[in-house]
Amino acid sequence: MFSTALKHLIAQEVQDLLRATYHPELPEGEINFLLHVDGKVYDAWTNIRNNGAAGKLVPEELIRNMSK
């Protein structure tokens, strides 16, 4: 749904937003997250994760769009 460059930009913005909370339960370094975005139609969706989590598995329910 989004270009790779836009996914990297979104991931960095989310990372910065999470760091800015200074929440005590977040790690000091890379914050691992997975953001699922549904588009307007059934097959328009994407998963965005932190830039350091490229090798981590995505839960099955986020691979298939569940918002029929």
C-alpha atoms as a PDB file:
ATOM      1  CA  MET A   1       0.000   0.000   0.000  1.00  0.00           C
ATOM      2  CA  PHE A   2       2.825   2.457   0.830  1.00  0.00           C
ATOM      3  CA  SER A   3       6.226   2.683  -0.820  1.00  0.00           C
ATOM      4  CA  THR A   4       9.223   1.319   1.069  1.00  0.00           C
ATOM      5  CA  ALA A   5      10.533   4.850   1.577  1.00  0.00           C
ATOM      6  CA  LEU A   6       7.217   6.005   3.044  1.00  0.00           C
ATOM      7  CA  LYS A   7       7.109   2.957   5.343  1.00  0.00           C
ATOM      8  CA  HIS A   8      10.584   3.833   6.637  1.00  0.00           C
ATOM      9  CA  LEU A   9       9.485   7.433   7.239  1.00  0.00           C
ATOM     10  CA  ILE A  10       6.334   6.329   9.095  1.00  0.00           C
ATOM     11  CA  ALA A  11       8.347   3.816  11.154  1.00  0.00           C
ATOM     12  CA  GLN A  12      10.803   6.536  12.185  1.00  0.00           C
ATOM     13  CA  GLU A  13       7.999   8.930  13.126  1.00  0.00           C
ATOM     14  CA  VAL A  14       6.275   6.248  15.237  1.00  0.00           C
ATOM     15  CA  GLN A  15       9.612   5.390  16.873  1.00  0.00           C
ATOM     16  CA  ASP A  16      10.180   9.077  17.701  1.00  0.00           C
ATOM     17  CA  LEU A  17       6.636   9.466  19.032  1.00  0.00           C
ATOM     18  CA  LEU A  18       7.004   6.433  21.291  1.00  0.00           C
ATOM     19  CA  ARG A  19      10.402   7.629  22.574  1.00  0.00           C
ATOM     20  CA  ALA A  20       8.924  11.062  23.340  1.00  0.00           C
ATOM     21  CA  THR A  21       6.549   9.448  25.873  1.00  0.00           C
ATOM     22  CA  TYR A  22       9.533   8.571  28.109  1.00  0.00           C
ATOM     23  CA  HIS A  23       7.454   5.630  29.315  1.00  0.00           C
ATOM     24  CA  PRO A  24       9.463   3.642  31.871  1.00  0.00           C
ATOM     25  CA  GLU A  25       8.493   0.271  30.374  1.00  0.00           C
ATOM     26  CA  LEU A  26       9.920   1.086  26.933  1.00  0.00           C
ATOM     27  CA  PRO A  27      13.507   0.079  26.137  1.00  0.00           C
ATOM     28  CA  GLU A  28      16.131   2.806  25.834  1.00  0.00           C
ATOM     29  CA  GLY A  29      17.235   1.680  22.360  1.00  0.00           C
ATOM     30  CA  GLU A  30      15.141   0.441  19.481  1.00  0.00           C
ATOM     31  CA  ILE A  31      11.431   0.117  20.285  1.00  0.00           C
ATOM     32  CA  ASN A  32       9.870  -2.878  18.560  1.00  0.00           C
ATOM     33  CA  PHE A  33       6.407  -2.320  17.134  1.00  0.00           C
ATOM     34  CA  LEU A  34       4.135  -3.554  14.375  1.00  0.00           C
ATOM     35  CA  LEU A  35       1.517  -1.213  12.912  1.00  0.00           C
ATOM     36  CA  HIS A  36      -1.209  -2.696  10.717  1.00  0.00           C
ATOM     37  CA  VAL A  37      -3.012  -0.244   8.422  1.00  0.00           C
ATOM     38  CA  ASP A  38      -6.199  -1.146   6.560  1.00  0.00           C
ATOM     39  CA  GLY A  39      -6.991   0.708   3.351  1.00  0.00           C
ATOM     40  CA  LYS A  40     -10.361   1.513   1.786  1.00  0.00           C
ATOM     41  CA  VAL A  41     -10.792  -1.867   0.115  1.00  0.00           C
ATOM     42  CA  TYR A  42     -10.325  -5.453   1.339  1.00  0.00           C
ATOM     43  CA  ASP A  43      -6.963  -6.063  -0.323  1.00  0.00           C
ATOM     44  CA  ALA A  44      -5.464  -2.644   0.495  1.00  0.00           C
ATOM     45  CA  TRP A  45      -3.443  -3.025   3.693  1.00  0.00           C
ATOM     46  CA  THR A  46       0.119  -2.900   4.938  1.00  0.00           C
ATOM     47  CA  ASN A  47       2.188  -3.749   7.982  1.00  0.00           C
ATOM     48  CA  ILE A  48       4.757  -1.217   9.179  1.00  0.00           C
ATOM     49  CA  ARG A  49       7.321  -2.145  11.794  1.00  0.00           C
ATOM     50  CA  ASN A  50      10.304  -0.537  13.395  1.00  0.00           C
ATOM     51  CA  ASN A  51      13.320  -0.513  11.124  1.00  0.00           C
ATOM     52  CA  GLY A  52      15.227  -2.949  13.347  1.00  0.00           C
ATOM     53  CA  ALA A  53      12.560  -5.677  13.344  1.00  0.00           C
ATOM     54  CA  ALA A  54      12.711  -6.750   9.706  1.00  0.00           C
ATOM     55  CA  GLY A  55      13.347 -10.397  10.548  1.00  0.00           C
ATOM     56  CA  LYS A  56      10.563 -10.828  13.102  1.00  0.00           C
ATOM     57  CA  LEU A  57       7.465 -12.824  12.249  1.00  0.00           C
ATOM     58  CA  VAL A  58       4.150 -11.097  11.611  1.00  0.00           C
ATOM     59  CA  PRO A  59       1.120 -12.669  13.354  1.00  0.00           C
ATOM     60  CA  GLU A  60      -1.044 -14.615  10.904  1.00  0.00           C
ATOM     61  CA  GLU A  61      -4.098 -12.449  11.552  1.00  0.00           C
ATOM     62  CA  LEU A  62      -2.143  -9.407  10.310  1.00  0.00           C
ATOM     63  CA  ILE A  63      -1.001 -11.095   7.122  1.00  0.00           C
ATOM     64  CA  ARG A  64      -4.558 -11.622   5.923  1.00  0.00           C
ATOM     65  CA  ASN A  65      -6.816  -8.638   6.000  1.00  0.00           C
ATOM     66  CA  MET A  66      -9.470  -9.379   8.621  1.00  0.00           C
ATOM     67  CA  SER A  67     -11.638  -6.292   8.005  1.00  0.00           C
ATOM     68  CA  LYS A  68     -14.027  -7.733   5.413  1.00  0.00           C
END
